[in-house]
Amino acid sequence: MPVDILLTVILTSAIQSVFGVGVLLFGTPLLLLLGYPFTDALSVLLPISIAINSLQILKHYHYIDSRFLKNVLIYTIPPVVVFLLLATNSSLNLTVIIGLFLVFVALKNFFPPVEQQINRMTRYEKSYLFMMGLVHGLTNLGGALLTAIVHGKNYDKNTTRATVAICYATFAVFQLATLLIIGTQFHLSWSENATFLQIGVIVFLLTEELIYSKIDNNKYSKFFAAFLLASGILLITK
């Protein structure tokens, strides 16, 4: 079992267990930096992401913003599929742009003018969701844009994570289905991927009990802003 993949899975699974995203957002650039092909990174990370999100959805499904999910299905999923097909034959680096955007969004809690600009931006939600699908299909980093728009809606703790989780899981399901339908060849064995999946689930269960359940709504909002800021800085400096 590759130790570098194992450590990546443990770290990113813990992050996703708290915020609803992380396995794809951080796992993809990390595995690419370690020299793994894009499709192999997806073969490891997509099942783990789906599993963690599914557990989060099962626990808090009644908090999901169904209207927002419907718009994601209509405006985000088609470009995810189309641009994933393009990404399997090309590469595009948007990490710095996404990182700068995340830093901008993270500042909304501290600077009212920033919050006003974000509110104006999210009025054009359909266009934003389409661009989110394009970015996610090409780079697997659409989770950053997802967390940004959800953070701007000022949900409570459970609604934030549940809504992010079901949208993120939907991304991953359609990505995995697309790769399987077009017959993408993966180099890692199914047994290795299954082991990584089990580890990801164990990390979720531990994080849920030891960390997430101890965070109240007010602290979660601040932690989420800090998460966006850290995500942006990491993507910029990657």
C-alpha atoms as a PDB file:
ATOM      1  CA  MET A   1       0.000   0.000   0.000  1.00  0.00           C
ATOM      2  CA  PRO A   2       1.513   3.387  -1.019  1.00  0.00           C
ATOM      3  CA  VAL A   3       2.204   5.284   2.206  1.00  0.00           C
ATOM      4  CA  ASP A   4       1.961   8.688   0.520  1.00  0.00           C
ATOM      5  CA  ILE A   5      -1.587   7.952  -0.650  1.00  0.00           C
ATOM      6  CA  LEU A   6      -2.490   6.610   2.803  1.00  0.00           C
ATOM      7  CA  LEU A   7      -1.349   9.809   4.537  1.00  0.00           C
ATOM      8  CA  THR A   8      -3.208  11.924   1.965  1.00  0.00           C
ATOM      9  CA  VAL A   9      -6.401   9.939   2.548  1.00  0.00           C
ATOM     10  CA  ILE A  10      -6.184  10.300   6.339  1.00  0.00           C
ATOM     11  CA  LEU A  11      -5.558  14.057   6.230  1.00  0.00           C
ATOM     12  CA  THR A  12      -8.166  14.936   3.612  1.00  0.00           C
ATOM     13  CA  SER A  13     -10.808  12.607   5.068  1.00  0.00           C
ATOM     14  CA  ALA A  14     -10.526  14.382   8.421  1.00  0.00           C
ATOM     15  CA  ILE A  15     -11.005  17.761   6.701  1.00  0.00           C
ATOM     16  CA  GLN A  16     -14.016  16.569   4.695  1.00  0.00           C
ATOM     17  CA  SER A  17     -15.566  15.037   7.800  1.00  0.00           C
ATOM     18  CA  VAL A  18     -15.804  18.506   9.333  1.00  0.00           C
ATOM     19  CA  PHE A  19     -16.508  20.740   6.333  1.00  0.00           C
ATOM     20  CA  GLY A  20     -18.140  18.462   3.743  1.00  0.00           C
ATOM     21  CA  VAL A  21     -15.304  18.921   1.231  1.00  0.00           C
ATOM     22  CA  GLY A  22     -11.595  18.200   1.283  1.00  0.00           C
ATOM     23  CA  VAL A  23     -10.877  14.757  -0.142  1.00  0.00           C
ATOM     24  CA  LEU A  24     -11.047  15.972  -3.749  1.00  0.00           C
ATOM     25  CA  LEU A  25     -10.144  19.609  -3.084  1.00  0.00           C
ATOM     26  CA  PHE A  26      -6.847  18.838  -1.355  1.00  0.00           C
ATOM     27  CA  GLY A  27      -6.324  15.203  -2.288  1.00  0.00           C
ATOM     28  CA  THR A  28      -6.220  15.868  -6.030  1.00  0.00           C
ATOM     29  CA  PRO A  29      -3.391  18.450  -6.054  1.00  0.00           C
ATOM     30  CA  LEU A  30      -1.475  16.464  -3.423  1.00  0.00           C
ATOM     31  CA  LEU A  31      -1.548  13.232  -5.439  1.00  0.00           C
ATOM     32  CA  LEU A  32      -0.696  15.093  -8.637  1.00  0.00           C
ATOM     33  CA  LEU A  33       2.304  16.654  -6.884  1.00  0.00           C
ATOM     34  CA  LEU A  34       3.325  13.162  -5.764  1.00  0.00           C
ATOM     35  CA  GLY A  35       3.375  12.060  -9.399  1.00  0.00           C
ATOM     36  CA  TYR A  36       0.110  10.132  -9.729  1.00  0.00           C
ATOM     37  CA  PRO A  37      -1.954  10.534 -12.930  1.00  0.00           C
ATOM     38  CA  PHE A  38      -5.189  12.535 -12.712  1.00  0.00           C
ATOM     39  CA  THR A  39      -7.367   9.472 -13.375  1.00  0.00           C
ATOM     40  CA  ASP A  40      -5.588   7.413 -10.687  1.00  0.00           C
ATOM     41  CA  ALA A  41      -6.104  10.235  -8.193  1.00  0.00           C
ATOM     42  CA  LEU A  42      -9.798  10.181  -9.048  1.00  0.00           C
ATOM     43  CA  SER A  43     -10.023   6.393  -8.686  1.00  0.00           C
ATOM     44  CA  VAL A  44      -8.761   6.667  -5.092  1.00  0.00           C
ATOM     45  CA  LEU A  45     -10.490   9.857  -3.991  1.00  0.00           C
ATOM     46  CA  LEU A  46     -13.953   9.690  -5.574  1.00  0.00           C
ATOM     47  CA  PRO A  47     -15.210   6.592  -3.671  1.00  0.00           C
ATOM     48  CA  ILE A  48     -13.891   7.978  -0.371  1.00  0.00           C
ATOM     49  CA  SER A  49     -15.541  11.333  -0.975  1.00  0.00           C
ATOM     50  CA  ILE A  50     -18.857   9.671  -1.836  1.00  0.00           C
ATOM     51  CA  ALA A  51     -18.722   7.444   1.253  1.00  0.00           C
ATOM     52  CA  ILE A  52     -18.001  10.267   3.713  1.00  0.00           C
ATOM     53  CA  ASN A  53     -20.602  12.559   2.182  1.00  0.00           C
ATOM     54  CA  SER A  54     -23.189   9.760   2.215  1.00  0.00           C
ATOM     55  CA  LEU A  55     -22.706   9.258   5.954  1.00  0.00           C
ATOM     56  CA  GLN A  56     -23.039  13.009   6.521  1.00  0.00           C
ATOM     57  CA  ILE A  57     -26.212  13.103   4.416  1.00  0.00           C
ATOM     58  CA  LEU A  58     -27.783  10.164   6.250  1.00  0.00           C
ATOM     59  CA  LYS A  59     -27.281  11.904   9.577  1.00  0.00           C
ATOM     60  CA  HIS A  60     -28.528  15.370   8.588  1.00  0.00           C
ATOM     61  CA  TYR A  61     -30.547  14.918   5.384  1.00  0.00           C
ATOM     62  CA  HIS A  62     -33.442  17.024   6.743  1.00  0.00           C
ATOM     63  CA  TYR A  63     -31.140  20.082   6.851  1.00  0.00           C
ATOM     64  CA  ILE A  64     -30.387  20.019   3.105  1.00  0.00           C
ATOM     65  CA  ASP A  65     -31.337  23.107   1.080  1.00  0.00           C
ATOM     66  CA  SER A  66     -33.292  21.266  -1.629  1.00  0.00           C
ATOM     67  CA  ARG A  67     -33.725  24.359  -3.813  1.00  0.00           C
ATOM     68  CA  PHE A  68     -29.982  24.887  -4.007  1.00  0.00           C
ATOM     69  CA  LEU A  69     -29.416  21.178  -4.719  1.00  0.00           C
ATOM     70  CA  LYS A  70     -31.930  21.309  -7.583  1.00  0.00           C
ATOM     71  CA  ASN A  71     -30.047  24.206  -9.169  1.00  0.00           C
ATOM     72  CA  VAL A  72     -26.766  22.320  -8.798  1.00  0.00           C
ATOM     73  CA  LEU A  73     -28.239  19.310 -10.609  1.00  0.00           C
ATOM     74  CA  ILE A  74     -29.465  21.508 -13.460  1.00  0.00           C
ATOM     75  CA  TYR A  75     -26.610  23.980 -13.907  1.00  0.00           C
ATOM     76  CA  THR A  76     -23.501  22.308 -12.451  1.00  0.00           C
ATOM     77  CA  ILE A  77     -23.626  18.587 -13.227  1.00  0.00           C
ATOM     78  CA  PRO A  78     -23.773  18.832 -17.065  1.00  0.00           C
ATOM     79  CA  PRO A  79     -20.557  20.906 -17.281  1.00  0.00           C
ATOM     80  CA  VAL A  80     -18.910  18.610 -14.700  1.00  0.00           C
ATOM     81  CA  VAL A  81     -19.427  15.645 -17.032  1.00  0.00           C
ATOM     82  CA  VAL A  82     -18.520  17.473 -20.267  1.00  0.00           C
ATOM     83  CA  PHE A  83     -15.352  19.082 -18.947  1.00  0.00           C
ATOM     84  CA  LEU A  84     -14.251  15.927 -17.130  1.00  0.00           C
ATOM     85  CA  LEU A  85     -14.198  14.231 -20.531  1.00  0.00           C
ATOM     86  CA  LEU A  86     -11.956  17.053 -21.778  1.00  0.00           C
ATOM     87  CA  ALA A  87      -9.748  16.891 -18.671  1.00  0.00           C
ATOM     88  CA  THR A  88      -8.875  13.231 -19.263  1.00  0.00           C
ATOM     89  CA  ASN A  89      -7.057  14.362 -22.410  1.00  0.00           C
ATOM     90  CA  SER A  90      -5.638  17.711 -21.276  1.00  0.00           C
ATOM     91  CA  SER A  91      -4.588  19.643 -18.180  1.00  0.00           C
ATOM     92  CA  LEU A  92      -5.475  23.137 -16.966  1.00  0.00           C
ATOM     93  CA  ASN A  93      -4.162  24.822 -13.835  1.00  0.00           C
ATOM     94  CA  LEU A  94      -6.673  27.174 -12.195  1.00  0.00           C
ATOM     95  CA  THR A  95      -5.459  26.726  -8.618  1.00  0.00           C
ATOM     96  CA  VAL A  96      -4.086  30.254  -8.141  1.00  0.00           C
ATOM     97  CA  ILE A  97      -7.283  31.891  -9.410  1.00  0.00           C
ATOM     98  CA  ILE A  98      -9.438  29.687  -7.187  1.00  0.00           C
ATOM     99  CA  GLY A  99      -7.132  30.292  -4.240  1.00  0.00           C
ATOM    100  CA  LEU A 100      -7.400  34.078  -4.576  1.00  0.00           C
ATOM    101  CA  PHE A 101     -11.182  33.801  -4.767  1.00  0.00           C
ATOM    102  CA  LEU A 102     -11.324  31.708  -1.587  1.00  0.00           C
ATOM    103  CA  VAL A 103      -9.196  34.226   0.322  1.00  0.00           C
ATOM    104  CA  PHE A 104     -11.593  36.956  -0.846  1.00  0.00           C
ATOM    105  CA  VAL A 105     -14.657  35.004   0.326  1.00  0.00           C
ATOM    106  CA  ALA A 106     -13.063  34.158   3.674  1.00  0.00           C
ATOM    107  CA  LEU A 107     -12.783  37.875   4.463  1.00  0.00           C
ATOM    108  CA  LYS A 108     -16.528  38.488   4.272  1.00  0.00           C
ATOM    109  CA  ASN A 109     -16.979  37.990   8.023  1.00  0.00           C
ATOM    110  CA  PHE A 110     -14.462  40.732   8.739  1.00  0.00           C
ATOM    111  CA  PHE A 111     -15.067  43.359   6.031  1.00  0.00           C
ATOM    112  CA  PRO A 112     -18.648  44.451   5.181  1.00  0.00           C
ATOM    113  CA  PRO A 113     -17.679  45.699   1.669  1.00  0.00           C
ATOM    114  CA  VAL A 114     -16.426  42.198   0.833  1.00  0.00           C
ATOM    115  CA  GLU A 115     -19.694  40.691   2.021  1.00  0.00           C
ATOM    116  CA  GLN A 116     -21.622  43.140  -0.165  1.00  0.00           C
ATOM    117  CA  GLN A 117     -19.586  42.154  -3.225  1.00  0.00           C
ATOM    118  CA  ILE A 118     -20.163  38.446  -2.543  1.00  0.00           C
ATOM    119  CA  ASN A 119     -23.893  39.019  -2.158  1.00  0.00           C
ATOM    120  CA  ARG A 120     -23.946  40.757  -5.541  1.00  0.00           C
ATOM    121  CA  MET A 121     -21.994  37.905  -7.106  1.00  0.00           C
ATOM    122  CA  THR A 122     -24.267  35.171  -5.797  1.00  0.00           C
ATOM    123  CA  ARG A 123     -27.333  36.916  -7.218  1.00  0.00           C
ATOM    124  CA  TYR A 124     -26.198  35.417 -10.516  1.00  0.00           C
ATOM    125  CA  GLU A 125     -26.360  31.957  -9.011  1.00  0.00           C
ATOM    126  CA  LYS A 126     -27.068  30.048 -12.232  1.00  0.00           C
ATOM    127  CA  SER A 127     -23.977  31.436 -13.984  1.00  0.00           C
ATOM    128  CA  TYR A 128     -21.892  30.795 -10.867  1.00  0.00           C
ATOM    129  CA  LEU A 129     -23.068  27.182 -10.674  1.00  0.00           C
ATOM    130  CA  PHE A 130     -22.231  26.607 -14.332  1.00  0.00           C
ATOM    131  CA  MET A 131     -18.699  27.942 -13.827  1.00  0.00           C
ATOM    132  CA  MET A 132     -18.387  25.766 -10.730  1.00  0.00           C
ATOM    133  CA  GLY A 133     -19.182  22.691 -12.834  1.00  0.00           C
ATOM    134  CA  LEU A 134     -16.687  23.715 -15.500  1.00  0.00           C
ATOM    135  CA  VAL A 135     -13.921  24.176 -12.920  1.00  0.00           C
ATOM    136  CA  HIS A 136     -14.718  20.925 -11.148  1.00  0.00           C
ATOM    137  CA  GLY A 137     -14.784  18.909 -14.350  1.00  0.00           C
ATOM    138  CA  LEU A 138     -11.417  20.270 -15.462  1.00  0.00           C
ATOM    139  CA  THR A 139      -9.527  20.403 -12.159  1.00  0.00           C
ATOM    140  CA  ASN A 140     -11.504  18.621  -9.404  1.00  0.00           C
ATOM    141  CA  LEU A 141     -11.363  21.888  -7.422  1.00  0.00           C
ATOM    142  CA  GLY A 142     -15.027  22.864  -7.704  1.00  0.00           C
ATOM    143  CA  GLY A 143     -15.460  22.069  -4.033  1.00  0.00           C
ATOM    144  CA  ALA A 144     -13.691  25.342  -3.293  1.00  0.00           C
ATOM    145  CA  LEU A 145     -16.315  27.303  -5.205  1.00  0.00           C
ATOM    146  CA  LEU A 146     -19.076  25.217  -3.615  1.00  0.00           C
ATOM    147  CA  THR A 147     -17.933  26.030  -0.084  1.00  0.00           C
ATOM    148  CA  ALA A 148     -17.611  29.682  -1.036  1.00  0.00           C
ATOM    149  CA  ILE A 149     -21.195  30.076  -2.233  1.00  0.00           C
ATOM    150  CA  VAL A 150     -22.638  28.031   0.644  1.00  0.00           C
ATOM    151  CA  HIS A 151     -20.635  30.070   3.158  1.00  0.00           C
ATOM    152  CA  GLY A 152     -22.188  33.198   1.649  1.00  0.00           C
ATOM    153  CA  LYS A 153     -25.687  31.929   2.467  1.00  0.00           C
ATOM    154  CA  ASN A 154     -25.112  32.112   6.242  1.00  0.00           C
ATOM    155  CA  TYR A 155     -26.635  28.700   6.988  1.00  0.00           C
ATOM    156  CA  ASP A 156     -26.378  27.105  10.398  1.00  0.00           C
ATOM    157  CA  LYS A 157     -23.754  24.436  11.063  1.00  0.00           C
ATOM    158  CA  ASN A 158     -25.739  21.341  10.049  1.00  0.00           C
ATOM    159  CA  THR A 159     -27.355  22.948   6.994  1.00  0.00           C
ATOM    160  CA  THR A 160     -23.947  24.119   5.781  1.00  0.00           C
ATOM    161  CA  ARG A 161     -22.338  20.698   5.980  1.00  0.00           C
ATOM    162  CA  ALA A 162     -25.364  18.707   4.790  1.00  0.00           C
ATOM    163  CA  THR A 163     -25.920  20.946   1.754  1.00  0.00           C
ATOM    164  CA  VAL A 164     -22.225  20.942   0.845  1.00  0.00           C
ATOM    165  CA  ALA A 165     -22.077  17.178   1.360  1.00  0.00           C
ATOM    166  CA  ILE A 166     -24.963  16.259  -0.932  1.00  0.00           C
ATOM    167  CA  CYS A 167     -23.763  18.597  -3.690  1.00  0.00           C
ATOM    168  CA  TYR A 168     -20.194  17.331  -3.391  1.00  0.00           C
ATOM    169  CA  ALA A 169     -21.376  13.712  -3.404  1.00  0.00           C
ATOM    170  CA  THR A 170     -23.417  14.419  -6.523  1.00  0.00           C
ATOM    171  CA  PHE A 171     -20.299  15.789  -8.238  1.00  0.00           C
ATOM    172  CA  ALA A 172     -18.364  12.654  -7.327  1.00  0.00           C
ATOM    173  CA  VAL A 173     -21.084  10.185  -8.371  1.00  0.00           C
ATOM    174  CA  PHE A 174     -21.349  11.705 -11.840  1.00  0.00           C
ATOM    175  CA  GLN A 175     -17.563  11.891 -12.186  1.00  0.00           C
ATOM    176  CA  LEU A 176     -17.100   8.251 -11.229  1.00  0.00           C
ATOM    177  CA  ALA A 177     -19.940   7.130 -13.487  1.00  0.00           C
ATOM    178  CA  THR A 178     -18.454   9.078 -16.404  1.00  0.00           C
ATOM    179  CA  LEU A 179     -15.020   7.506 -15.948  1.00  0.00           C
ATOM    180  CA  LEU A 180     -16.489   3.996 -15.735  1.00  0.00           C
ATOM    181  CA  ILE A 181     -18.717   4.498 -18.789  1.00  0.00           C
ATOM    182  CA  ILE A 182     -15.842   5.656 -20.999  1.00  0.00           C
ATOM    183  CA  GLY A 183     -13.711   2.729 -19.805  1.00  0.00           C
ATOM    184  CA  THR A 184     -10.939   4.684 -18.072  1.00  0.00           C
ATOM    185  CA  GLN A 185      -7.998   2.479 -17.086  1.00  0.00           C
ATOM    186  CA  PHE A 186      -6.780   2.766 -13.475  1.00  0.00           C
ATOM    187  CA  HIS A 187      -3.356   1.569 -12.323  1.00  0.00           C
ATOM    188  CA  LEU A 188      -4.119   1.024  -8.637  1.00  0.00           C
ATOM    189  CA  SER A 189      -5.824  -2.246  -7.744  1.00  0.00           C
ATOM    190  CA  TRP A 190      -9.420  -2.492  -6.536  1.00  0.00           C
ATOM    191  CA  SER A 191      -8.204  -4.058  -3.282  1.00  0.00           C
ATOM    192  CA  GLU A 192      -5.973  -1.048  -2.571  1.00  0.00           C
ATOM    193  CA  ASN A 193      -8.804   1.359  -3.333  1.00  0.00           C
ATOM    194  CA  ALA A 194     -11.130  -0.633  -1.064  1.00  0.00           C
ATOM    195  CA  THR A 195      -8.614  -0.374   1.774  1.00  0.00           C
ATOM    196  CA  PHE A 196      -8.284   3.378   1.321  1.00  0.00           C
ATOM    197  CA  LEU A 197     -12.087   3.645   1.332  1.00  0.00           C
ATOM    198  CA  GLN A 198     -12.319   1.787   4.646  1.00  0.00           C
ATOM    199  CA  ILE A 199      -9.671   4.022   6.174  1.00  0.00           C
ATOM    200  CA  GLY A 200     -11.517   7.136   5.003  1.00  0.00           C
ATOM    201  CA  VAL A 201     -14.739   5.930   6.663  1.00  0.00           C
ATOM    202  CA  ILE A 202     -12.926   5.167   9.926  1.00  0.00           C
ATOM    203  CA  VAL A 203     -11.385   8.650   9.929  1.00  0.00           C
ATOM    204  CA  PHE A 204     -14.868  10.137   9.406  1.00  0.00           C
ATOM    205  CA  LEU A 205     -16.374   8.216  12.320  1.00  0.00           C
ATOM    206  CA  LEU A 206     -13.574   9.318  14.643  1.00  0.00           C
ATOM    207  CA  THR A 207     -13.662  12.942  13.489  1.00  0.00           C
ATOM    208  CA  GLU A 208     -17.453  13.093  13.761  1.00  0.00           C
ATOM    209  CA  GLU A 209     -17.355  11.946  17.358  1.00  0.00           C
ATOM    210  CA  LEU A 210     -14.247  13.744  18.590  1.00  0.00           C
ATOM    211  CA  ILE A 211     -14.369  17.048  16.683  1.00  0.00           C
ATOM    212  CA  TYR A 212     -17.544  17.905  14.717  1.00  0.00           C
ATOM    213  CA  SER A 213     -20.007  17.108  17.512  1.00  0.00           C
ATOM    214  CA  LYS A 214     -18.094  19.453  19.849  1.00  0.00           C
ATOM    215  CA  ILE A 215     -18.346  22.553  17.610  1.00  0.00           C
ATOM    216  CA  ASP A 216     -21.279  24.954  18.094  1.00  0.00           C
ATOM    217  CA  ASN A 217     -22.838  27.085  15.318  1.00  0.00           C
ATOM    218  CA  ASN A 218     -20.916  30.257  16.093  1.00  0.00           C
ATOM    219  CA  LYS A 219     -17.549  28.526  16.235  1.00  0.00           C
ATOM    220  CA  TYR A 220     -18.346  26.508  13.107  1.00  0.00           C
ATOM    221  CA  SER A 221     -18.955  29.672  11.091  1.00  0.00           C
ATOM    222  CA  LYS A 222     -15.580  31.032  12.180  1.00  0.00           C
ATOM    223  CA  PHE A 223     -13.848  27.714  11.535  1.00  0.00           C
ATOM    224  CA  PHE A 224     -15.450  27.578   8.085  1.00  0.00           C
ATOM    225  CA  ALA A 225     -14.127  31.057   7.259  1.00  0.00           C
ATOM    226  CA  ALA A 226     -10.684  29.997   8.473  1.00  0.00           C
ATOM    227  CA  PHE A 227     -10.969  26.849   6.350  1.00  0.00           C
ATOM    228  CA  LEU A 228     -11.719  28.932   3.246  1.00  0.00           C
ATOM    229  CA  LEU A 229      -8.795  31.251   3.984  1.00  0.00           C
ATOM    230  CA  ALA A 230      -6.381  28.352   4.537  1.00  0.00           C
ATOM    231  CA  SER A 231      -7.661  26.591   1.412  1.00  0.00           C
ATOM    232  CA  GLY A 232      -7.091  29.699  -0.658  1.00  0.00           C
ATOM    233  CA  ILE A 233      -3.555  30.231   0.652  1.00  0.00           C
ATOM    234  CA  LEU A 234      -2.647  26.566   0.076  1.00  0.00           C
ATOM    235  CA  LEU A 235      -3.939  26.631  -3.494  1.00  0.00           C
ATOM    236  CA  ILE A 236      -2.084  29.868  -4.234  1.00  0.00           C
ATOM    237  CA  THR A 237       1.232  28.594  -2.827  1.00  0.00           C
ATOM    238  CA  LYS A 238       0.950  24.984  -4.069  1.00  0.00           C
END
